[in-house]
Amino acid sequence: MTHADAPLPLPPDELGRRLTEVFDLAGPLYRFAARKVEQGEPVEGVSAGVRAVLNLLRQHGPMTVPQMGRAQALSRQFVQRMVNDAAARGWVELIPNPAHQRSSLIRLTEEGKDVIAAVLAREHTLNRQVGGSLTDAEVRACVRVLTEMVRTFDHVDID
């Protein structure tokens, strides 16, 4: 495909209408996925909120509660409750934060690493069942769209 044949970006009004379709699917998708994660709760005891905290720590290493809240667009209070739940089960521990004495770093324990690995393995098994003969390009495009939406909504105020 030559540069002249490249598809043109959608005009803002059409883009807005099309992205509404994404929002209309994102809510149910999140709720279905959260239910599937929580179906394993009797085995691991992981709610969707605790899963988000454990996975964030798996991906980024030790973080403070405010950092996790910002990364997930969640309130500090909600993240603190999830951290408290995870700590009560021995999945995370508080360690000193050399950059800020009053805000401890939260770190996964070995048991926490095992728990999030089990949750992710169950999710992988579920995700493998997705049909539609999706291609790598389609999945990359979906990730690009969602990443751009998150980036934009994190920085734009609606008047």
N, C-alpha and C. Protein backbone atom coordinates (compact mmCIF):
# COMPACT_ATOMS: atom_id res chain seq x y z
N MET A 1 0.85 -1.17 0.00
CA MET A 1 0.00 0.00 0.00
C MET A 1 0.90 1.23 0.00
N THR A 2 0.66 2.14 -0.91
CA THR A 2 1.44 3.37 -0.95
C THR A 2 0.90 4.34 0.08
N HIS A 3 1.70 5.36 0.35
CA HIS A 3 1.28 6.37 1.32
C HIS A 3 -0.05 7.01 0.90
N ALA A 4 -0.23 7.20 -0.41
CA ALA A 4 -1.47 7.79 -0.91
C ALA A 4 -2.67 6.88 -0.68
N ASP A 5 -2.43 5.56 -0.56
CA ASP A 5 -3.51 4.61 -0.35
C ASP A 5 -3.84 4.40 1.14
N ALA A 6 -3.05 4.98 2.03
CA ALA A 6 -3.25 4.78 3.47
C ALA A 6 -4.61 5.33 3.87
N PRO A 7 -5.31 4.60 4.75
CA PRO A 7 -6.62 5.09 5.19
C PRO A 7 -6.48 6.42 5.93
N LEU A 8 -7.46 7.27 5.75
CA LEU A 8 -7.46 8.58 6.42
C LEU A 8 -8.06 8.44 7.82
N PRO A 9 -7.56 9.24 8.76
CA PRO A 9 -8.17 9.24 10.09
C PRO A 9 -9.64 9.67 10.00
N LEU A 10 -10.45 9.15 10.89
CA LEU A 10 -11.86 9.54 10.92
C LEU A 10 -12.00 10.99 11.37
N PRO A 11 -12.97 11.71 10.81
CA PRO A 11 -13.25 13.05 11.32
C PRO A 11 -13.72 12.95 12.78
N PRO A 12 -13.49 13.99 13.60
CA PRO A 12 -13.81 13.91 15.03
C PRO A 12 -15.23 13.44 15.36
N ASP A 13 -16.25 13.94 14.67
CA ASP A 13 -17.62 13.52 14.98
C ASP A 13 -17.83 12.04 14.72
N GLU A 14 -17.32 11.54 13.59
CA GLU A 14 -17.45 10.11 13.28
C GLU A 14 -16.63 9.28 14.26
N LEU A 15 -15.42 9.73 14.59
CA LEU A 15 -14.59 9.03 15.56
C LEU A 15 -15.32 8.93 16.90
N GLY A 16 -15.93 10.02 17.32
CA GLY A 16 -16.68 10.01 18.58
C GLY A 16 -17.80 8.99 18.57
N ARG A 17 -18.55 8.92 17.47
CA ARG A 17 -19.64 7.93 17.36
C ARG A 17 -19.09 6.51 17.39
N ARG A 18 -18.02 6.27 16.66
CA ARG A 18 -17.45 4.91 16.60
C ARG A 18 -16.87 4.49 17.95
N LEU A 19 -16.22 5.41 18.66
CA LEU A 19 -15.65 5.06 19.96
C LEU A 19 -16.73 4.83 21.02
N THR A 20 -17.92 5.38 20.79
CA THR A 20 -19.04 5.05 21.67
C THR A 20 -19.33 3.55 21.60
N GLU A 21 -19.16 2.95 20.43
CA GLU A 21 -19.32 1.50 20.30
C GLU A 21 -18.33 0.76 21.19
N VAL A 22 -17.10 1.29 21.28
CA VAL A 22 -16.09 0.68 22.15
C VAL A 22 -16.55 0.74 23.60
N PHE A 23 -17.02 1.92 24.04
CA PHE A 23 -17.51 2.06 25.41
C PHE A 23 -18.67 1.11 25.69
N ASP A 24 -19.56 0.98 24.72
CA ASP A 24 -20.72 0.11 24.91
C ASP A 24 -20.32 -1.34 25.10
N LEU A 25 -19.16 -1.74 24.60
CA LEU A 25 -18.66 -3.10 24.78
C LEU A 25 -17.72 -3.23 25.97
N ALA A 26 -17.02 -2.16 26.30
CA ALA A 26 -16.01 -2.23 27.37
C ALA A 26 -16.63 -2.54 28.73
N GLY A 27 -17.75 -1.94 29.05
CA GLY A 27 -18.40 -2.18 30.35
C GLY A 27 -18.78 -3.65 30.53
N PRO A 28 -19.58 -4.21 29.62
CA PRO A 28 -19.93 -5.64 29.77
C PRO A 28 -18.70 -6.54 29.74
N LEU A 29 -17.72 -6.24 28.89
CA LEU A 29 -16.50 -7.04 28.84
C LEU A 29 -15.82 -7.04 30.20
N TYR A 30 -15.67 -5.87 30.82
CA TYR A 30 -15.04 -5.79 32.13
C TYR A 30 -15.82 -6.61 33.16
N ARG A 31 -17.14 -6.48 33.16
CA ARG A 31 -17.95 -7.21 34.15
C ARG A 31 -17.89 -8.71 33.93
N PHE A 32 -17.95 -9.17 32.67
CA PHE A 32 -17.80 -10.61 32.39
C PHE A 32 -16.45 -11.12 32.87
N ALA A 33 -15.39 -10.36 32.54
CA ALA A 33 -14.04 -10.78 32.93
C ALA A 33 -13.90 -10.79 34.45
N ALA A 34 -14.44 -9.78 35.12
CA ALA A 34 -14.35 -9.73 36.59
C ALA A 34 -15.06 -10.93 37.21
N ARG A 35 -16.21 -11.29 36.67
CA ARG A 35 -16.92 -12.47 37.19
C ARG A 35 -16.10 -13.73 37.02
N LYS A 36 -15.46 -13.87 35.86
CA LYS A 36 -14.62 -15.06 35.61
C LYS A 36 -13.44 -15.10 36.58
N VAL A 37 -12.81 -13.95 36.82
CA VAL A 37 -11.70 -13.90 37.77
C VAL A 37 -12.20 -14.31 39.16
N GLU A 38 -13.36 -13.77 39.55
CA GLU A 38 -13.86 -14.03 40.89
C GLU A 38 -14.42 -15.44 41.03
N GLN A 39 -14.70 -16.13 39.92
CA GLN A 39 -15.15 -17.53 40.02
C GLN A 39 -14.08 -18.40 40.64
N GLY A 40 -12.83 -18.01 40.49
CA GLY A 40 -11.72 -18.75 41.10
C GLY A 40 -11.48 -18.35 42.54
N GLU A 41 -12.27 -17.40 43.06
CA GLU A 41 -12.04 -16.88 44.40
C GLU A 41 -12.01 -17.93 45.49
N PRO A 42 -12.88 -18.97 45.46
CA PRO A 42 -12.77 -19.97 46.52
C PRO A 42 -11.39 -20.63 46.58
N VAL A 43 -10.71 -20.71 45.45
CA VAL A 43 -9.38 -21.32 45.41
C VAL A 43 -8.32 -20.31 45.83
N GLU A 44 -8.34 -19.13 45.21
CA GLU A 44 -7.29 -18.16 45.46
C GLU A 44 -7.73 -17.00 46.35
N GLY A 45 -9.04 -16.69 46.42
CA GLY A 45 -9.52 -15.57 47.20
C GLY A 45 -9.27 -14.22 46.57
N VAL A 46 -9.22 -14.16 45.24
CA VAL A 46 -8.85 -12.94 44.54
C VAL A 46 -10.07 -12.26 43.95
N SER A 47 -10.39 -11.06 44.45
CA SER A 47 -11.43 -10.25 43.83
C SER A 47 -10.81 -9.53 42.62
N ALA A 48 -11.65 -8.93 41.80
CA ALA A 48 -11.13 -8.20 40.64
C ALA A 48 -10.24 -7.05 41.08
N GLY A 49 -10.58 -6.37 42.17
CA GLY A 49 -9.76 -5.26 42.65
C GLY A 49 -8.40 -5.71 43.15
N VAL A 50 -8.36 -6.80 43.91
CA VAL A 50 -7.08 -7.34 44.38
C VAL A 50 -6.27 -7.84 43.19
N ARG A 51 -6.92 -8.45 42.22
CA ARG A 51 -6.23 -8.92 41.02
C ARG A 51 -5.53 -7.75 40.33
N ALA A 52 -6.22 -6.61 40.23
CA ALA A 52 -5.63 -5.43 39.58
C ALA A 52 -4.37 -4.98 40.31
N VAL A 53 -4.42 -4.96 41.65
CA VAL A 53 -3.26 -4.57 42.45
C VAL A 53 -2.12 -5.56 42.26
N LEU A 54 -2.41 -6.86 42.37
CA LEU A 54 -1.36 -7.87 42.23
C LEU A 54 -0.71 -7.80 40.85
N ASN A 55 -1.52 -7.63 39.82
CA ASN A 55 -0.96 -7.60 38.47
C ASN A 55 -0.14 -6.34 38.23
N LEU A 56 -0.59 -5.22 38.77
CA LEU A 56 0.18 -3.99 38.64
C LEU A 56 1.56 -4.14 39.28
N LEU A 57 1.61 -4.76 40.46
CA LEU A 57 2.88 -4.98 41.14
C LEU A 57 3.74 -5.99 40.37
N ARG A 58 3.10 -6.99 39.76
CA ARG A 58 3.83 -7.96 38.95
C ARG A 58 4.48 -7.26 37.76
N GLN A 59 3.75 -6.35 37.14
CA GLN A 59 4.24 -5.67 35.95
C GLN A 59 5.30 -4.62 36.26
N HIS A 60 5.13 -3.87 37.36
CA HIS A 60 5.96 -2.69 37.60
C HIS A 60 6.86 -2.78 38.82
N GLY A 61 6.74 -3.84 39.61
CA GLY A 61 7.54 -3.91 40.82
C GLY A 61 6.90 -3.08 41.93
N PRO A 62 7.61 -2.89 43.04
CA PRO A 62 7.03 -2.18 44.18
C PRO A 62 6.54 -0.78 43.81
N MET A 63 5.36 -0.43 44.34
CA MET A 63 4.74 0.87 44.09
C MET A 63 4.08 1.35 45.37
N THR A 64 3.81 2.64 45.44
CA THR A 64 3.02 3.18 46.54
C THR A 64 1.54 3.07 46.20
N VAL A 65 0.70 3.19 47.20
CA VAL A 65 -0.75 3.17 46.96
C VAL A 65 -1.16 4.32 46.02
N PRO A 66 -0.68 5.56 46.24
CA PRO A 66 -1.06 6.62 45.30
C PRO A 66 -0.60 6.35 43.86
N GLN A 67 0.57 5.77 43.69
CA GLN A 67 1.04 5.44 42.33
C GLN A 67 0.10 4.42 41.68
N MET A 68 -0.32 3.41 42.45
CA MET A 68 -1.23 2.40 41.90
C MET A 68 -2.57 3.03 41.55
N GLY A 69 -3.06 3.92 42.40
CA GLY A 69 -4.33 4.59 42.11
C GLY A 69 -4.28 5.37 40.82
N ARG A 70 -3.20 6.12 40.64
CA ARG A 70 -3.05 6.90 39.39
C ARG A 70 -2.95 5.98 38.18
N ALA A 71 -2.19 4.90 38.30
CA ALA A 71 -1.99 3.99 37.18
C ALA A 71 -3.29 3.31 36.75
N GLN A 72 -4.20 3.09 37.70
CA GLN A 72 -5.45 2.39 37.40
C GLN A 72 -6.66 3.31 37.37
N ALA A 73 -6.46 4.62 37.54
CA ALA A 73 -7.55 5.59 37.60
C ALA A 73 -8.56 5.21 38.67
N LEU A 74 -8.03 4.81 39.84
CA LEU A 74 -8.86 4.42 40.98
C LEU A 74 -8.53 5.32 42.17
N SER A 75 -9.47 5.44 43.09
CA SER A 75 -9.21 6.27 44.26
C SER A 75 -8.16 5.61 45.15
N ARG A 76 -7.41 6.46 45.85
CA ARG A 76 -6.40 5.96 46.77
C ARG A 76 -7.05 5.09 47.84
N GLN A 77 -8.24 5.47 48.28
CA GLN A 77 -8.94 4.71 49.32
C GLN A 77 -9.30 3.31 48.85
N PHE A 78 -9.78 3.19 47.62
CA PHE A 78 -10.12 1.87 47.08
C PHE A 78 -8.87 1.01 46.97
N VAL A 79 -7.80 1.58 46.42
CA VAL A 79 -6.56 0.82 46.28
C VAL A 79 -6.06 0.40 47.66
N GLN A 80 -6.16 1.29 48.65
CA GLN A 80 -5.71 0.94 50.00
C GLN A 80 -6.50 -0.26 50.54
N ARG A 81 -7.81 -0.29 50.31
CA ARG A 81 -8.62 -1.45 50.75
C ARG A 81 -8.16 -2.73 50.06
N MET A 82 -7.86 -2.65 48.77
CA MET A 82 -7.40 -3.83 48.03
C MET A 82 -6.02 -4.28 48.55
N VAL A 83 -5.15 -3.32 48.82
CA VAL A 83 -3.83 -3.64 49.38
C VAL A 83 -4.00 -4.28 50.75
N ASN A 84 -4.90 -3.74 51.57
CA ASN A 84 -5.14 -4.32 52.90
C ASN A 84 -5.63 -5.76 52.78
N ASP A 85 -6.55 -6.01 51.85
CA ASP A 85 -7.05 -7.39 51.62
C ASP A 85 -5.89 -8.31 51.22
N ALA A 86 -5.08 -7.84 50.28
CA ALA A 86 -3.95 -8.65 49.80
C ALA A 86 -2.93 -8.88 50.91
N ALA A 87 -2.68 -7.87 51.72
CA ALA A 87 -1.72 -8.00 52.83
C ALA A 87 -2.23 -8.98 53.88
N ALA A 88 -3.54 -8.95 54.15
CA ALA A 88 -4.13 -9.86 55.14
C ALA A 88 -3.98 -11.31 54.71
N ARG A 89 -3.90 -11.55 53.40
CA ARG A 89 -3.74 -12.91 52.88
C ARG A 89 -2.27 -13.27 52.65
N GLY A 90 -1.37 -12.31 52.94
CA GLY A 90 0.05 -12.58 52.79
C GLY A 90 0.56 -12.46 51.36
N TRP A 91 -0.18 -11.77 50.49
CA TRP A 91 0.19 -11.67 49.09
C TRP A 91 1.05 -10.47 48.79
N VAL A 92 0.99 -9.43 49.65
CA VAL A 92 1.83 -8.25 49.49
C VAL A 92 2.40 -7.90 50.86
N GLU A 93 3.48 -7.13 50.81
CA GLU A 93 4.08 -6.64 52.06
C GLU A 93 4.49 -5.20 51.86
N LEU A 94 4.53 -4.46 52.96
CA LEU A 94 4.97 -3.07 52.94
C LEU A 94 6.46 -3.04 53.20
N ILE A 95 7.16 -2.26 52.40
CA ILE A 95 8.61 -2.10 52.60
C ILE A 95 8.91 -0.61 52.64
N PRO A 96 10.02 -0.22 53.27
CA PRO A 96 10.36 1.21 53.33
C PRO A 96 10.54 1.80 51.93
N ASN A 97 10.14 3.06 51.82
CA ASN A 97 10.26 3.79 50.56
C ASN A 97 11.37 4.83 50.74
N PRO A 98 12.52 4.61 50.12
CA PRO A 98 13.62 5.56 50.31
C PRO A 98 13.28 6.97 49.82
N ALA A 99 12.34 7.08 48.88
CA ALA A 99 11.98 8.39 48.32
C ALA A 99 10.96 9.14 49.17
N HIS A 100 10.25 8.44 50.06
CA HIS A 100 9.16 9.08 50.80
C HIS A 100 8.87 8.28 52.05
N GLN A 101 9.28 8.78 53.21
CA GLN A 101 9.15 8.02 54.45
C GLN A 101 7.72 7.71 54.84
N ARG A 102 6.78 8.59 54.50
CA ARG A 102 5.40 8.37 54.96
C ARG A 102 4.56 7.52 54.01
N SER A 103 5.08 7.21 52.84
CA SER A 103 4.33 6.41 51.86
C SER A 103 5.14 5.15 51.53
N SER A 104 4.80 4.05 52.22
CA SER A 104 5.53 2.80 52.02
C SER A 104 5.34 2.27 50.61
N LEU A 105 6.30 1.50 50.18
CA LEU A 105 6.16 0.76 48.93
C LEU A 105 5.44 -0.55 49.22
N ILE A 106 4.63 -0.98 48.30
CA ILE A 106 3.94 -2.26 48.39
C ILE A 106 4.65 -3.21 47.44
N ARG A 107 4.97 -4.41 47.91
CA ARG A 107 5.70 -5.39 47.10
C ARG A 107 5.00 -6.74 47.18
N LEU A 108 4.98 -7.47 46.06
CA LEU A 108 4.45 -8.83 46.04
C LEU A 108 5.32 -9.74 46.89
N THR A 109 4.68 -10.65 47.62
CA THR A 109 5.41 -11.72 48.29
C THR A 109 5.52 -12.89 47.32
N GLU A 110 6.27 -13.91 47.69
CA GLU A 110 6.36 -15.11 46.83
C GLU A 110 4.97 -15.72 46.66
N GLU A 111 4.19 -15.77 47.74
CA GLU A 111 2.83 -16.31 47.62
C GLU A 111 1.98 -15.44 46.70
N GLY A 112 2.15 -14.13 46.79
CA GLY A 112 1.43 -13.22 45.90
C GLY A 112 1.79 -13.45 44.45
N LYS A 113 3.07 -13.70 44.18
CA LYS A 113 3.51 -14.00 42.81
C LYS A 113 2.85 -15.28 42.31
N ASP A 114 2.74 -16.28 43.18
CA ASP A 114 2.09 -17.54 42.79
C ASP A 114 0.60 -17.34 42.53
N VAL A 115 -0.05 -16.53 43.36
CA VAL A 115 -1.49 -16.30 43.20
C VAL A 115 -1.78 -15.58 41.90
N ILE A 116 -1.05 -14.49 41.61
CA ILE A 116 -1.33 -13.77 40.37
C ILE A 116 -0.98 -14.62 39.16
N ALA A 117 0.04 -15.46 39.27
CA ALA A 117 0.36 -16.37 38.16
C ALA A 117 -0.80 -17.33 37.90
N ALA A 118 -1.43 -17.84 38.96
CA ALA A 118 -2.57 -18.76 38.81
C ALA A 118 -3.76 -18.04 38.18
N VAL A 119 -4.02 -16.81 38.61
CA VAL A 119 -5.13 -16.03 38.05
C VAL A 119 -4.88 -15.77 36.57
N LEU A 120 -3.67 -15.34 36.23
CA LEU A 120 -3.34 -15.06 34.82
C LEU A 120 -3.40 -16.32 33.97
N ALA A 121 -3.03 -17.45 34.53
CA ALA A 121 -3.12 -18.71 33.78
C ALA A 121 -4.59 -19.03 33.47
N ARG A 122 -5.48 -18.81 34.45
CA ARG A 122 -6.91 -19.05 34.22
C ARG A 122 -7.45 -18.09 33.17
N GLU A 123 -7.02 -16.81 33.24
CA GLU A 123 -7.45 -15.84 32.24
C GLU A 123 -6.94 -16.22 30.85
N HIS A 124 -5.70 -16.69 30.79
CA HIS A 124 -5.12 -17.10 29.50
C HIS A 124 -5.94 -18.24 28.89
N THR A 125 -6.33 -19.19 29.72
CA THR A 125 -7.16 -20.30 29.24
C THR A 125 -8.47 -19.78 28.68
N LEU A 126 -9.09 -18.82 29.36
CA LEU A 126 -10.33 -18.22 28.89
C LEU A 126 -10.09 -17.45 27.58
N ASN A 127 -9.03 -16.63 27.56
CA ASN A 127 -8.75 -15.81 26.37
C ASN A 127 -8.42 -16.65 25.15
N ARG A 128 -7.86 -17.83 25.35
CA ARG A 128 -7.57 -18.71 24.22
C ARG A 128 -8.84 -19.16 23.50
N GLN A 129 -9.97 -19.08 24.19
CA GLN A 129 -11.24 -19.54 23.62
C GLN A 129 -11.93 -18.47 22.79
N VAL A 130 -11.38 -17.26 22.75
CA VAL A 130 -11.99 -16.19 21.97
C VAL A 130 -11.94 -16.58 20.50
N GLY A 131 -13.07 -16.48 19.85
CA GLY A 131 -13.17 -16.86 18.44
C GLY A 131 -12.99 -15.67 17.51
N GLY A 132 -13.48 -15.81 16.33
CA GLY A 132 -13.46 -14.73 15.37
C GLY A 132 -12.24 -14.70 14.47
N SER A 133 -11.38 -15.69 14.59
CA SER A 133 -10.17 -15.75 13.74
C SER A 133 -9.42 -14.42 13.75
N LEU A 134 -9.25 -13.85 14.93
CA LEU A 134 -8.59 -12.55 15.04
C LEU A 134 -7.12 -12.65 14.63
N THR A 135 -6.66 -11.61 13.95
CA THR A 135 -5.27 -11.56 13.51
C THR A 135 -4.45 -10.70 14.47
N ASP A 136 -3.14 -10.84 14.38
CA ASP A 136 -2.24 -10.02 15.19
C ASP A 136 -2.49 -8.54 14.90
N ALA A 137 -2.68 -8.20 13.64
CA ALA A 137 -2.91 -6.80 13.28
C ALA A 137 -4.19 -6.26 13.93
N GLU A 138 -5.24 -7.08 13.98
CA GLU A 138 -6.48 -6.64 14.61
C GLU A 138 -6.31 -6.43 16.11
N VAL A 139 -5.61 -7.33 16.75
CA VAL A 139 -5.38 -7.18 18.19
C VAL A 139 -4.49 -5.96 18.45
N ARG A 140 -3.45 -5.78 17.65
CA ARG A 140 -2.60 -4.60 17.80
C ARG A 140 -3.40 -3.32 17.62
N ALA A 141 -4.31 -3.31 16.64
CA ALA A 141 -5.15 -2.13 16.41
C ALA A 141 -6.06 -1.88 17.60
N CYS A 142 -6.63 -2.92 18.17
CA CYS A 142 -7.49 -2.78 19.34
C CYS A 142 -6.71 -2.19 20.51
N VAL A 143 -5.52 -2.73 20.76
CA VAL A 143 -4.67 -2.23 21.85
C VAL A 143 -4.31 -0.77 21.59
N ARG A 144 -4.01 -0.43 20.35
CA ARG A 144 -3.66 0.95 20.02
C ARG A 144 -4.83 1.89 20.30
N VAL A 145 -6.03 1.50 19.90
CA VAL A 145 -7.22 2.33 20.12
C VAL A 145 -7.45 2.53 21.62
N LEU A 146 -7.43 1.44 22.38
CA LEU A 146 -7.70 1.54 23.81
C LEU A 146 -6.61 2.33 24.52
N THR A 147 -5.37 2.15 24.13
CA THR A 147 -4.26 2.90 24.73
C THR A 147 -4.44 4.39 24.47
N GLU A 148 -4.80 4.75 23.25
CA GLU A 148 -4.99 6.15 22.91
C GLU A 148 -6.17 6.74 23.69
N MET A 149 -7.24 5.97 23.86
CA MET A 149 -8.38 6.46 24.63
C MET A 149 -7.99 6.70 26.09
N VAL A 150 -7.28 5.74 26.69
CA VAL A 150 -6.85 5.90 28.08
C VAL A 150 -5.95 7.13 28.20
N ARG A 151 -4.99 7.25 27.30
CA ARG A 151 -4.06 8.39 27.35
C ARG A 151 -4.81 9.72 27.23
N THR A 152 -5.73 9.79 26.31
CA THR A 152 -6.49 11.02 26.09
C THR A 152 -7.37 11.35 27.28
N PHE A 153 -8.13 10.37 27.76
CA PHE A 153 -9.06 10.65 28.85
C PHE A 153 -8.35 10.94 30.16
N ASP A 154 -7.11 10.49 30.28
CA ASP A 154 -6.32 10.79 31.47
C ASP A 154 -5.86 12.25 31.47
N HIS A 155 -5.85 12.88 30.30
CA HIS A 155 -5.30 14.24 30.19
C HIS A 155 -6.31 15.29 29.75
N VAL A 156 -7.55 14.92 29.45
CA VAL A 156 -8.52 15.87 28.90
C VAL A 156 -9.65 16.06 29.91
N ASP A 157 -10.00 17.32 30.13
CA ASP A 157 -11.16 17.64 30.97
C ASP A 157 -12.35 17.95 30.08
N ILE A 158 -13.53 17.51 30.50
CA ILE A 158 -14.77 17.82 29.76
C ILE A 158 -15.40 19.02 30.45
N ASP A 159 -15.68 20.04 29.66
CA ASP A 159 -16.27 21.27 30.22
C ASP A 159 -17.75 21.14 30.38
